[in-house]
Amino acid sequence: MPNITYIEPSGQSVTLDLPVGWNLMQGATANGVDGILGECGGSCACATCHCYVDAARLGELPPPSEGELAMLENTASERKDNSRLACQIKVTEALEGLVVTLPPTQE
């Protein structure tokens, strides 16, 4: 299982072994990571799993869908070039060591 590191809003780092096929929101909510709400359950219908993906690894991810881009217009925290919705990032072996930073707020 790939290791994914979440940097919580407090600055605390949490590294988790996540099953391939899960998404980053599932991994965070299932393991009590602070900073991801996932109010819509991962259906890309809110923006409460907003995260900042390590910019150096952003190109390794599939591009965001039109639906994800629309939801990113509604983030509570600043949207940046490396903003993504964690529910839309599937865990693969290739993401080993990925670091995502969670914004100060999701609401």
PDB file of N, CA and C in Angstrom:
ATOM      1  N   MET A   1       0.842  -1.182   0.000  1.00  0.00           N
ATOM      2  CA  MET A   1       0.000   0.000   0.000  1.00  0.00           C
ATOM      3  C   MET A   1       0.886   1.243   0.000  1.00  0.00           C
ATOM      4  N   PRO A   2       0.568   2.193  -0.849  1.00  0.00           N
ATOM      5  CA  PRO A   2       1.363   3.417  -0.921  1.00  0.00           C
ATOM      6  C   PRO A   2       1.225   4.283   0.332  1.00  0.00           C
ATOM      7  N   ASN A   3       2.307   4.925   0.700  1.00  0.00           N
ATOM      8  CA  ASN A   3       2.308   5.901   1.795  1.00  0.00           C
ATOM      9  C   ASN A   3       1.924   7.261   1.229  1.00  0.00           C
ATOM     10  N   ILE A   4       0.946   7.881   1.852  1.00  0.00           N
ATOM     11  CA  ILE A   4       0.525   9.240   1.506  1.00  0.00           C
ATOM     12  C   ILE A   4       0.645  10.065   2.778  1.00  0.00           C
ATOM     13  N   THR A   5       1.245  11.251   2.656  1.00  0.00           N
ATOM     14  CA  THR A   5       1.405  12.131   3.815  1.00  0.00           C
ATOM     15  C   THR A   5       0.459  13.317   3.687  1.00  0.00           C
ATOM     16  N   TYR A   6      -0.282  13.533   4.751  1.00  0.00           N
ATOM     17  CA  TYR A   6      -1.184  14.683   4.863  1.00  0.00           C
ATOM     18  C   TYR A   6      -0.559  15.656   5.853  1.00  0.00           C
ATOM     19  N   ILE A   7      -0.499  16.916   5.490  1.00  0.00           N
ATOM     20  CA  ILE A   7      -0.081  17.966   6.419  1.00  0.00           C
ATOM     21  C   ILE A   7      -1.361  18.666   6.875  1.00  0.00           C
ATOM     22  N   GLU A   8      -1.698  18.446   8.136  1.00  0.00           N
ATOM     23  CA  GLU A   8      -2.924  19.010   8.685  1.00  0.00           C
ATOM     24  C   GLU A   8      -2.809  20.530   8.831  1.00  0.00           C
ATOM     25  N   PRO A   9      -3.936  21.232   8.977  1.00  0.00           N
ATOM     26  CA  PRO A   9      -3.882  22.686   9.141  1.00  0.00           C
ATOM     27  C   PRO A   9      -2.983  23.141  10.291  1.00  0.00           C
ATOM     28  N   SER A  10      -2.830  22.313  11.315  1.00  0.00           N
ATOM     29  CA  SER A  10      -1.963  22.649  12.450  1.00  0.00           C
ATOM     30  C   SER A  10      -0.482  22.537  12.102  1.00  0.00           C
ATOM     31  N   GLY A  11      -0.187  21.922  10.954  1.00  0.00           N
ATOM     32  CA  GLY A  11       1.199  21.685  10.563  1.00  0.00           C
ATOM     33  C   GLY A  11       1.673  20.280  10.885  1.00  0.00           C
ATOM     34  N   GLN A  12       0.855  19.533  11.633  1.00  0.00           N
ATOM     35  CA  GLN A  12       1.216  18.157  11.971  1.00  0.00           C
ATOM     36  C   GLN A  12       1.162  17.287  10.724  1.00  0.00           C
ATOM     37  N   SER A  13       2.148  16.417  10.589  1.00  0.00           N
ATOM     38  CA  SER A  13       2.247  15.499   9.461  1.00  0.00           C
ATOM     39  C   SER A  13       1.697  14.133   9.858  1.00  0.00           C
ATOM     40  N   VAL A  14       0.843  13.564   8.994  1.00  0.00           N
ATOM     41  CA  VAL A  14       0.278  12.238   9.227  1.00  0.00           C
ATOM     42  C   VAL A  14       0.539  11.411   7.964  1.00  0.00           C
ATOM     43  N   THR A  15       1.278  10.323   8.102  1.00  0.00           N
ATOM     44  CA  THR A  15       1.556   9.446   6.963  1.00  0.00           C
ATOM     45  C   THR A  15       0.764   8.164   7.127  1.00  0.00           C
ATOM     46  N   LEU A  16       0.052   7.797   6.066  1.00  0.00           N
ATOM     47  CA  LEU A  16      -0.821   6.630   6.090  1.00  0.00           C
ATOM     48  C   LEU A  16      -0.497   5.692   4.936  1.00  0.00           C
ATOM     49  N   ASP A  17      -0.621   4.396   5.191  1.00  0.00           N
ATOM     50  CA  ASP A  17      -0.578   3.386   4.134  1.00  0.00           C
ATOM     51  C   ASP A  17      -2.013   3.245   3.645  1.00  0.00           C
ATOM     52  N   LEU A  18      -2.265   3.601   2.384  1.00  0.00           N
ATOM     53  CA  LEU A  18      -3.628   3.561   1.871  1.00  0.00           C
ATOM     54  C   LEU A  18      -3.785   2.493   0.798  1.00  0.00           C
ATOM     55  N   PRO A  19      -4.926   1.829   0.792  1.00  0.00           N
ATOM     56  CA  PRO A  19      -5.177   0.813  -0.231  1.00  0.00           C
ATOM     57  C   PRO A  19      -5.285   1.427  -1.629  1.00  0.00           C
ATOM     58  N   VAL A  20      -4.716   0.768  -2.598  1.00  0.00           N
ATOM     59  CA  VAL A  20      -4.864   1.179  -3.989  1.00  0.00           C
ATOM     60  C   VAL A  20      -6.356   1.143  -4.328  1.00  0.00           C
ATOM     61  N   GLY A  21      -6.808   2.185  -5.004  1.00  0.00           N
ATOM     62  CA  GLY A  21      -8.217   2.278  -5.384  1.00  0.00           C
ATOM     63  C   GLY A  21      -9.029   3.208  -4.510  1.00  0.00           C
ATOM     64  N   TRP A  22      -8.587   3.408  -3.273  1.00  0.00           N
ATOM     65  CA  TRP A  22      -9.254   4.402  -2.439  1.00  0.00           C
ATOM     66  C   TRP A  22      -8.947   5.776  -3.016  1.00  0.00           C
ATOM     67  N   ASN A  23      -9.678   6.784  -2.547  1.00  0.00           N
ATOM     68  CA  ASN A  23      -9.282   8.145  -2.895  1.00  0.00           C
ATOM     69  C   ASN A  23      -8.705   8.811  -1.647  1.00  0.00           C
ATOM     70  N   LEU A  24      -8.049   9.930  -1.841  1.00  0.00           N
ATOM     71  CA  LEU A  24      -7.365  10.590  -0.723  1.00  0.00           C
ATOM     72  C   LEU A  24      -8.337  11.067   0.355  1.00  0.00           C
ATOM     73  N   MET A  25      -9.560  11.415  -0.026  1.00  0.00           N
ATOM     74  CA  MET A  25     -10.555  11.815   0.967  1.00  0.00           C
ATOM     75  C   MET A  25     -10.929  10.632   1.845  1.00  0.00           C
ATOM     76  N   GLN A  26     -11.173   9.468   1.243  1.00  0.00           N
ATOM     77  CA  GLN A  26     -11.500   8.265   2.014  1.00  0.00           C
ATOM     78  C   GLN A  26     -10.397   7.947   3.007  1.00  0.00           C
ATOM     79  N   GLY A  27      -9.160   8.010   2.548  1.00  0.00           N
ATOM     80  CA  GLY A  27      -8.034   7.717   3.429  1.00  0.00           C
ATOM     81  C   GLY A  27      -7.980   8.649   4.615  1.00  0.00           C
ATOM     82  N   ALA A  28      -8.230   9.929   4.368  1.00  0.00           N
ATOM     83  CA  ALA A  28      -8.182  10.915   5.449  1.00  0.00           C
ATOM     84  C   ALA A  28      -9.329  10.736   6.433  1.00  0.00           C
ATOM     85  N   THR A  29     -10.545  10.599   5.919  1.00  0.00           N
ATOM     86  CA  THR A  29     -11.686  10.503   6.823  1.00  0.00           C
ATOM     87  C   THR A  29     -11.695   9.179   7.583  1.00  0.00           C
ATOM     88  N   ALA A  30     -11.269   8.110   6.959  1.00  0.00           N
ATOM     89  CA  ALA A  30     -11.241   6.805   7.633  1.00  0.00           C
ATOM     90  C   ALA A  30     -10.201   6.747   8.741  1.00  0.00           C
ATOM     91  N   ASN A  31      -9.225   7.640   8.676  1.00  0.00           N
ATOM     92  CA  ASN A  31      -8.134   7.624   9.650  1.00  0.00           C
ATOM     93  C   ASN A  31      -8.088   8.851  10.544  1.00  0.00           C
ATOM     94  N   GLY A  32      -9.146   9.642  10.541  1.00  0.00           N
ATOM     95  CA  GLY A  32      -9.241  10.776  11.456  1.00  0.00           C
ATOM     96  C   GLY A  32      -8.287  11.915  11.185  1.00  0.00           C
ATOM     97  N   VAL A  33      -7.873  12.090   9.936  1.00  0.00           N
ATOM     98  CA  VAL A  33      -6.996  13.210   9.602  1.00  0.00           C
ATOM     99  C   VAL A  33      -7.785  14.497   9.746  1.00  0.00           C
ATOM    100  N   ASP A  34      -7.217  15.452  10.464  1.00  0.00           N
ATOM    101  CA  ASP A  34      -7.862  16.744  10.675  1.00  0.00           C
ATOM    102  C   ASP A  34      -7.711  17.599   9.430  1.00  0.00           C
ATOM    103  N   GLY A  35      -8.821  18.195   8.978  1.00  0.00           N
ATOM    104  CA  GLY A  35      -8.736  19.150   7.883  1.00  0.00           C
ATOM    105  C   GLY A  35      -9.488  18.743   6.632  1.00  0.00           C
ATOM    106  N   ILE A  36     -10.041  17.521   6.605  1.00  0.00           N
ATOM    107  CA  ILE A  36     -10.879  17.103   5.485  1.00  0.00           C
ATOM    108  C   ILE A  36     -12.233  16.694   6.050  1.00  0.00           C
ATOM    109  N   LEU A  37     -13.295  17.312   5.511  1.00  0.00           N
ATOM    110  CA  LEU A  37     -14.637  16.985   5.964  1.00  0.00           C
ATOM    111  C   LEU A  37     -15.306  15.946   5.067  1.00  0.00           C
ATOM    112  N   GLY A  38     -15.232  16.144   3.765  1.00  0.00           N
ATOM    113  CA  GLY A  38     -15.857  15.210   2.836  1.00  0.00           C
ATOM    114  C   GLY A  38     -17.362  15.123   3.023  1.00  0.00           C
ATOM    115  N   GLU A  39     -18.017  16.266   3.128  1.00  0.00           N
ATOM    116  CA  GLU A  39     -19.455  16.304   3.418  1.00  0.00           C
ATOM    117  C   GLU A  39     -20.313  15.567   2.395  1.00  0.00           C
ATOM    118  N   CYS A  40     -19.903  15.526   1.139  1.00  0.00           N
ATOM    119  CA  CYS A  40     -20.716  14.867   0.116  1.00  0.00           C
ATOM    120  C   CYS A  40     -20.359  13.394  -0.036  1.00  0.00           C
ATOM    121  N   GLY A  41     -19.441  12.920   0.757  1.00  0.00           N
ATOM    122  CA  GLY A  41     -19.077  11.511   0.704  1.00  0.00           C
ATOM    123  C   GLY A  41     -18.208  11.129  -0.480  1.00  0.00           C
ATOM    124  N   GLY A  42     -17.688  12.097  -1.167  1.00  0.00           N
ATOM    125  CA  GLY A  42     -16.782  11.807  -2.274  1.00  0.00           C
ATOM    126  C   GLY A  42     -17.427  11.841  -3.645  1.00  0.00           C
ATOM    127  N   SER A  43     -18.581  12.489  -3.757  1.00  0.00           N
ATOM    128  CA  SER A  43     -19.270  12.531  -5.045  1.00  0.00           C
ATOM    129  C   SER A  43     -18.986  13.801  -5.848  1.00  0.00           C
ATOM    130  N   CYS A  44     -17.981  14.548  -5.440  1.00  0.00           N
ATOM    131  CA  CYS A  44     -17.575  15.779  -6.142  1.00  0.00           C
ATOM    132  C   CYS A  44     -18.731  16.778  -6.180  1.00  0.00           C
ATOM    133  N   ALA A  45     -19.438  16.903  -5.051  1.00  0.00           N
ATOM    134  CA  ALA A  45     -20.585  17.803  -4.980  1.00  0.00           C
ATOM    135  C   ALA A  45     -20.428  18.880  -3.909  1.00  0.00           C
ATOM    136  N   CYS A  46     -19.246  18.959  -3.318  1.00  0.00           N
ATOM    137  CA  CYS A  46     -18.954  20.025  -2.359  1.00  0.00           C
ATOM    138  C   CYS A  46     -17.486  20.380  -2.574  1.00  0.00           C
ATOM    139  N   ALA A  47     -16.900  21.074  -1.701  1.00  0.00           N
ATOM    140  CA  ALA A  47     -15.468  21.375  -1.830  1.00  0.00           C
ATOM    141  C   ALA A  47     -14.791  21.214  -0.474  1.00  0.00           C
ATOM    142  N   THR A  48     -15.334  20.320   0.365  1.00  0.00           N
ATOM    143  CA  THR A  48     -14.827  20.193   1.726  1.00  0.00           C
ATOM    144  C   THR A  48     -13.724  19.144   1.867  1.00  0.00           C
ATOM    145  N   CYS A  49     -13.160  18.735   0.730  1.00  0.00           N
ATOM    146  CA  CYS A  49     -11.962  17.892   0.759  1.00  0.00           C
ATOM    147  C   CYS A  49     -10.857  18.555  -0.052  1.00  0.00           C
ATOM    148  N   HIS A  50     -10.946  19.863  -0.160  1.00  0.00           N
ATOM    149  CA  HIS A  50      -9.942  20.665  -0.853  1.00  0.00           C
ATOM    150  C   HIS A  50      -8.562  20.402  -0.252  1.00  0.00           C
ATOM    151  N   CYS A  51      -7.580  20.232  -1.115  1.00  0.00           N
ATOM    152  CA  CYS A  51      -6.207  20.040  -0.644  1.00  0.00           C
ATOM    153  C   CYS A  51      -5.248  20.659  -1.639  1.00  0.00           C
ATOM    154  N   TYR A  52      -4.017  20.835  -1.180  1.00  0.00           N
ATOM    155  CA  TYR A  52      -2.952  21.337  -2.037  1.00  0.00           C
ATOM    156  C   TYR A  52      -1.972  20.185  -2.266  1.00  0.00           C
ATOM    157  N   VAL A  53      -1.849  19.768  -3.506  1.00  0.00           N
ATOM    158  CA  VAL A  53      -0.965  18.660  -3.861  1.00  0.00           C
ATOM    159  C   VAL A  53       0.440  19.205  -4.057  1.00  0.00           C
ATOM    160  N   ASP A  54       1.436  18.451  -3.591  1.00  0.00           N
ATOM    161  CA  ASP A  54       2.833  18.815  -3.806  1.00  0.00           C
ATOM    162  C   ASP A  54       3.006  19.201  -5.276  1.00  0.00           C
ATOM    163  N   ALA A  55       3.345  20.445  -5.523  1.00  0.00           N
ATOM    164  CA  ALA A  55       3.427  20.975  -6.886  1.00  0.00           C
ATOM    165  C   ALA A  55       4.376  20.170  -7.775  1.00  0.00           C
ATOM    166  N   ALA A  56       5.437  19.619  -7.206  1.00  0.00           N
ATOM    167  CA  ALA A  56       6.399  18.839  -7.986  1.00  0.00           C
ATOM    168  C   ALA A  56       5.784  17.540  -8.506  1.00  0.00           C
ATOM    169  N   ARG A  57       4.688  17.088  -7.893  1.00  0.00           N
ATOM    170  CA  ARG A  57       4.068  15.815  -8.285  1.00  0.00           C
ATOM    171  C   ARG A  57       2.716  16.006  -8.970  1.00  0.00           C
ATOM    172  N   LEU A  58       2.288  17.234  -9.109  1.00  0.00           N
ATOM    173  CA  LEU A  58       0.970  17.523  -9.678  1.00  0.00           C
ATOM    174  C   LEU A  58       0.801  16.914 -11.066  1.00  0.00           C
ATOM    175  N   GLY A  59       1.845  16.928 -11.860  1.00  0.00           N
ATOM    176  CA  GLY A  59       1.790  16.388 -13.215  1.00  0.00           C
ATOM    177  C   GLY A  59       1.604  14.882 -13.273  1.00  0.00           C
ATOM    178  N   GLU A  60       1.767  14.188 -12.152  1.00  0.00           N
ATOM    179  CA  GLU A  60       1.580  12.739 -12.111  1.00  0.00           C
ATOM    180  C   GLU A  60       0.111  12.347 -11.980  1.00  0.00           C
ATOM    181  N   LEU A  61      -0.720  13.330 -11.690  1.00  0.00           N
ATOM    182  CA  LEU A  61      -2.151  13.066 -11.500  1.00  0.00           C
ATOM    183  C   LEU A  61      -2.911  13.291 -12.798  1.00  0.00           C
ATOM    184  N   PRO A  62      -4.012  12.557 -12.979  1.00  0.00           N
ATOM    185  CA  PRO A  62      -4.887  12.881 -14.111  1.00  0.00           C
ATOM    186  C   PRO A  62      -5.392  14.310 -13.941  1.00  0.00           C
ATOM    187  N   PRO A  63      -5.641  15.005 -15.029  1.00  0.00           N
ATOM    188  CA  PRO A  63      -6.140  16.378 -14.895  1.00  0.00           C
ATOM    189  C   PRO A  63      -7.524  16.394 -14.257  1.00  0.00           C
ATOM    190  N   PRO A  64      -7.860  17.500 -13.601  1.00  0.00           N
ATOM    191  CA  PRO A  64      -9.182  17.596 -12.981  1.00  0.00           C
ATOM    192  C   PRO A  64     -10.287  17.608 -14.042  1.00  0.00           C
ATOM    193  N   SER A  65     -11.414  17.004 -13.696  1.00  0.00           N
ATOM    194  CA  SER A  65     -12.576  17.012 -14.591  1.00  0.00           C
ATOM    195  C   SER A  65     -13.221  18.401 -14.549  1.00  0.00           C
ATOM    196  N   GLU A  66     -14.148  18.622 -15.466  1.00  0.00           N
ATOM    197  CA  GLU A  66     -14.892  19.883 -15.464  1.00  0.00           C
ATOM    198  C   GLU A  66     -15.673  20.038 -14.160  1.00  0.00           C
ATOM    199  N   GLY A  67     -16.236  18.940 -13.656  1.00  0.00           N
ATOM    200  CA  GLY A  67     -16.974  18.978 -12.398  1.00  0.00           C
ATOM    201  C   GLY A  67     -16.090  19.366 -11.229  1.00  0.00           C
ATOM    202  N   GLU A  68     -14.873  18.809 -11.196  1.00  0.00           N
ATOM    203  CA  GLU A  68     -13.947  19.163 -10.121  1.00  0.00           C
ATOM    204  C   GLU A  68     -13.554  20.631 -10.223  1.00  0.00           C
ATOM    205  N   LEU A  69     -13.273  21.090 -11.428  1.00  0.00           N
ATOM    206  CA  LEU A  69     -12.908  22.505 -11.601  1.00  0.00           C
ATOM    207  C   LEU A  69     -14.034  23.418 -11.135  1.00  0.00           C
ATOM    208  N   ALA A  70     -15.275  23.037 -11.418  1.00  0.00           N
ATOM    209  CA  ALA A  70     -16.422  23.835 -10.970  1.00  0.00           C
ATOM    210  C   ALA A  70     -16.499  23.867  -9.450  1.00  0.00           C
ATOM    211  N   MET A  71     -16.285  22.725  -8.804  1.00  0.00           N
ATOM    212  CA  MET A  71     -16.331  22.675  -7.341  1.00  0.00           C
ATOM    213  C   MET A  71     -15.184  23.462  -6.722  1.00  0.00           C
ATOM    214  N   LEU A  72     -14.031  23.472  -7.364  1.00  0.00           N
ATOM    215  CA  LEU A  72     -12.883  24.229  -6.842  1.00  0.00           C
ATOM    216  C   LEU A  72     -13.144  25.731  -6.832  1.00  0.00           C
ATOM    217  N   GLU A  73     -14.169  26.175  -7.558  1.00  0.00           N
ATOM    218  CA  GLU A  73     -14.559  27.589  -7.517  1.00  0.00           C
ATOM    219  C   GLU A  73     -15.209  27.938  -6.182  1.00  0.00           C
ATOM    220  N   ASN A  74     -15.584  26.914  -5.403  1.00  0.00           N
ATOM    221  CA  ASN A  74     -16.333  27.125  -4.157  1.00  0.00           C
ATOM    222  C   ASN A  74     -15.539  26.793  -2.905  1.00  0.00           C
ATOM    223  N   THR A  75     -14.231  26.778  -2.981  1.00  0.00           N
ATOM    224  CA  THR A  75     -13.437  26.429  -1.804  1.00  0.00           C
ATOM    225  C   THR A  75     -13.497  27.540  -0.761  1.00  0.00           C
ATOM    226  N   ALA A  76     -13.486  27.131   0.504  1.00  0.00           N
ATOM    227  CA  ALA A  76     -13.518  28.096   1.607  1.00  0.00           C
ATOM    228  C   ALA A  76     -12.151  28.758   1.784  1.00  0.00           C
ATOM    229  N   SER A  77     -11.101  28.008   1.505  1.00  0.00           N
ATOM    230  CA  SER A  77      -9.737  28.552   1.595  1.00  0.00           C
ATOM    231  C   SER A  77      -9.251  28.908   0.197  1.00  0.00           C
ATOM    232  N   GLU A  78      -8.194  29.673   0.151  1.00  0.00           N
ATOM    233  CA  GLU A  78      -7.641  30.139  -1.115  1.00  0.00           C
ATOM    234  C   GLU A  78      -7.416  28.989  -2.099  1.00  0.00           C
ATOM    235  N   ARG A  79      -7.900  29.185  -3.308  1.00  0.00           N
ATOM    236  CA  ARG A  79      -7.621  28.238  -4.382  1.00  0.00           C
ATOM    237  C   ARG A  79      -6.264  28.603  -4.977  1.00  0.00           C
ATOM    238  N   LYS A  80      -5.431  27.583  -5.167  1.00  0.00           N
ATOM    239  CA  LYS A  80      -4.096  27.774  -5.733  1.00  0.00           C
ATOM    240  C   LYS A  80      -3.951  26.918  -6.980  1.00  0.00           C
ATOM    241  N   ASP A  81      -2.827  27.098  -7.680  1.00  0.00           N
ATOM    242  CA  ASP A  81      -2.568  26.311  -8.891  1.00  0.00           C
ATOM    243  C   ASP A  81      -2.528  24.815  -8.610  1.00  0.00           C
ATOM    244  N   ASN A  82      -2.162  24.433  -7.391  1.00  0.00           N
ATOM    245  CA  ASN A  82      -2.057  23.014  -7.038  1.00  0.00           C
ATOM    246  C   ASN A  82      -3.256  22.525  -6.214  1.00  0.00           C
ATOM    247  N   SER A  83      -4.353  23.281  -6.241  1.00  0.00           N
ATOM    248  CA  SER A  83      -5.571  22.868  -5.542  1.00  0.00           C
ATOM    249  C   SER A  83      -6.241  21.723  -6.270  1.00  0.00           C
ATOM    250  N   ARG A  84      -6.663  20.736  -5.498  1.00  0.00           N
ATOM    251  CA  ARG A  84      -7.434  19.606  -6.018  1.00  0.00           C
ATOM    252  C   ARG A  84      -8.442  19.200  -4.962  1.00  0.00           C
ATOM    253  N   LEU A  85      -9.415  18.401  -5.362  1.00  0.00           N
ATOM    254  CA  LEU A  85     -10.335  17.783  -4.420  1.00  0.00           C
ATOM    255  C   LEU A  85      -9.813  16.384  -4.129  1.00  0.00           C
ATOM    256  N   ALA A  86      -9.618  16.089  -2.859  1.00  0.00           N
ATOM    257  CA  ALA A  86      -9.039  14.808  -2.466  1.00  0.00           C
ATOM    258  C   ALA A  86      -9.912  13.632  -2.887  1.00  0.00           C
ATOM    259  N   CYS A  87     -11.217  13.844  -3.017  1.00  0.00           N
ATOM    260  CA  CYS A  87     -12.110  12.755  -3.435  1.00  0.00           C
ATOM    261  C   CYS A  87     -11.891  12.357  -4.887  1.00  0.00           C
ATOM    262  N   GLN A  88     -11.209  13.187  -5.636  1.00  0.00           N
ATOM    263  CA  GLN A  88     -11.002  12.913  -7.054  1.00  0.00           C
ATOM    264  C   GLN A  88      -9.614  12.359  -7.364  1.00  0.00           C
ATOM    265  N   ILE A  89      -8.825  12.116  -6.330  1.00  0.00           N
ATOM    266  CA  ILE A  89      -7.476  11.577  -6.525  1.00  0.00           C
ATOM    267  C   ILE A  89      -7.452  10.145  -6.025  1.00  0.00           C
ATOM    268  N   LYS A  90      -7.398   9.207  -6.951  1.00  0.00           N
ATOM    269  CA  LYS A  90      -7.350   7.780  -6.612  1.00  0.00           C
ATOM    270  C   LYS A  90      -5.925   7.389  -6.236  1.00  0.00           C
ATOM    271  N   VAL A  91      -5.817   6.580  -5.203  1.00  0.00           N
ATOM    272  CA  VAL A  91      -4.522   6.078  -4.760  1.00  0.00           C
ATOM    273  C   VAL A  91      -4.044   5.006  -5.743  1.00  0.00           C
ATOM    274  N   THR A  92      -2.821   5.171  -6.214  1.00  0.00           N
ATOM    275  CA  THR A  92      -2.153   4.185  -7.058  1.00  0.00           C
ATOM    276  C   THR A  92      -0.760   3.962  -6.485  1.00  0.00           C
ATOM    277  N   GLU A  93      -0.124   2.891  -6.881  1.00  0.00           N
ATOM    278  CA  GLU A  93       1.255   2.635  -6.437  1.00  0.00           C
ATOM    279  C   GLU A  93       2.181   3.780  -6.834  1.00  0.00           C
ATOM    280  N   ALA A  94       1.895   4.416  -7.967  1.00  0.00           N
ATOM    281  CA  ALA A  94       2.733   5.508  -8.458  1.00  0.00           C
ATOM    282  C   ALA A  94       2.706   6.731  -7.544  1.00  0.00           C
ATOM    283  N   LEU A  95       1.702   6.822  -6.673  1.00  0.00           N
ATOM    284  CA  LEU A  95       1.606   7.980  -5.777  1.00  0.00           C
ATOM    285  C   LEU A  95       2.378   7.790  -4.473  1.00  0.00           C
ATOM    286  N   GLU A  96       3.125   6.704  -4.356  1.00  0.00           N
ATOM    287  CA  GLU A  96       3.951   6.466  -3.160  1.00  0.00           C
ATOM    288  C   GLU A  96       4.705   7.741  -2.781  1.00  0.00           C
ATOM    289  N   GLY A  97       4.560   8.143  -1.519  1.00  0.00           N
ATOM    290  CA  GLY A  97       5.287   9.305  -1.010  1.00  0.00           C
ATOM    291  C   GLY A  97       4.639  10.649  -1.293  1.00  0.00           C
ATOM    292  N   LEU A  98       3.474  10.661  -1.902  1.00  0.00           N
ATOM    293  CA  LEU A  98       2.795  11.921  -2.201  1.00  0.00           C
ATOM    294  C   LEU A  98       2.506  12.688  -0.911  1.00  0.00           C
ATOM    295  N   VAL A  99       2.670  13.992  -0.966  1.00  0.00           N
ATOM    296  CA  VAL A  99       2.363  14.868   0.164  1.00  0.00           C
ATOM    297  C   VAL A  99       1.258  15.834  -0.262  1.00  0.00           C
ATOM    298  N   VAL A 100       0.207  15.893   0.554  1.00  0.00           N
ATOM    299  CA  VAL A 100      -0.855  16.860   0.345  1.00  0.00           C
ATOM    300  C   VAL A 100      -1.011  17.702   1.599  1.00  0.00           C
ATOM    301  N   THR A 101      -1.173  18.980   1.405  1.00  0.00           N
ATOM    302  CA  THR A 101      -1.342  19.915   2.505  1.00  0.00           C
ATOM    303  C   THR A 101      -2.801  20.326   2.557  1.00  0.00           C
ATOM    304  N   LEU A 102      -3.356  20.311   3.755  1.00  0.00           N
ATOM    305  CA  LEU A 102      -4.761  20.675   3.929  1.00  0.00           C
ATOM    306  C   LEU A 102      -4.865  22.153   4.281  1.00  0.00           C
ATOM    307  N   PRO A 103      -5.865  22.828   3.717  1.00  0.00           N
ATOM    308  CA  PRO A 103      -5.994  24.270   3.939  1.00  0.00           C
ATOM    309  C   PRO A 103      -6.467  24.594   5.350  1.00  0.00           C
ATOM    310  N   PRO A 104      -6.387  25.868   5.715  1.00  0.00           N
ATOM    311  CA  PRO A 104      -6.773  26.286   7.072  1.00  0.00           C
ATOM    312  C   PRO A 104      -8.214  25.965   7.430  1.00  0.00           C
ATOM    313  N   THR A 105      -9.121  26.015   6.441  1.00  0.00           N
ATOM    314  CA  THR A 105     -10.524  25.718   6.706  1.00  0.00           C
ATOM    315  C   THR A 105     -11.177  25.094   5.488  1.00  0.00           C
ATOM    316  N   GLN A 106     -12.224  24.323   5.731  1.00  0.00           N
ATOM    317  CA  GLN A 106     -13.024  23.755   4.648  1.00  0.00           C
ATOM    318  C   GLN A 106     -14.433  24.359   4.644  1.00  0.00           C
ATOM    319  N   GLU A 107     -14.718  25.182   5.657  1.00  0.00           N
ATOM    320  CA  GLU A 107     -16.055  25.769   5.758  1.00  0.00           C
ATOM    321  C   GLU A 107     -15.972  27.267   5.728  1.00  0.00           C
TER     322      GLU A 107
END
